[in-house]
Amino acid sequence: MEFEITVEDAKREIEGGKVVLVDVREPWEIDTASLAGAKLIPMGDLPARVQELDPDAHILVLCHHGRRSLQVTSWMREQGYARTQSVKGGIDAWAKQVDSKVPVY
């Protein structure tokens, strides 16, 4: 499985109901721009909360530009979450390429 997924492919997966979308941004960022149905687990909280996620699920990790989600994806794969992917470009790319109604910040 690829380490990253494009926002276009992520949209198809989300619409198909086949994935768990985890947003690792901070609450203030979520208040600025968010995607419906995403589970908010800030990056710093993830080690204490990773057990909330199914290790067998296809998990997409979202952040602002894709840097934090890459770090989280790497860490999660090391923890046995083999079907985890980072959303390339983050919510910024989503706003610019998928849904212009999502605010850019």
Foldseek 3Di string as FASTA:
>chain_A
DDQADELVVVVVCVVVVQAAEEEQEDPVVVVQFDDPRHHYQHLVRCVVPVVVDDLAGQYEYAYQQQPSQSVVSVVSVVVRSVNYHYHHGGVQSCCVPPNVVTDRD
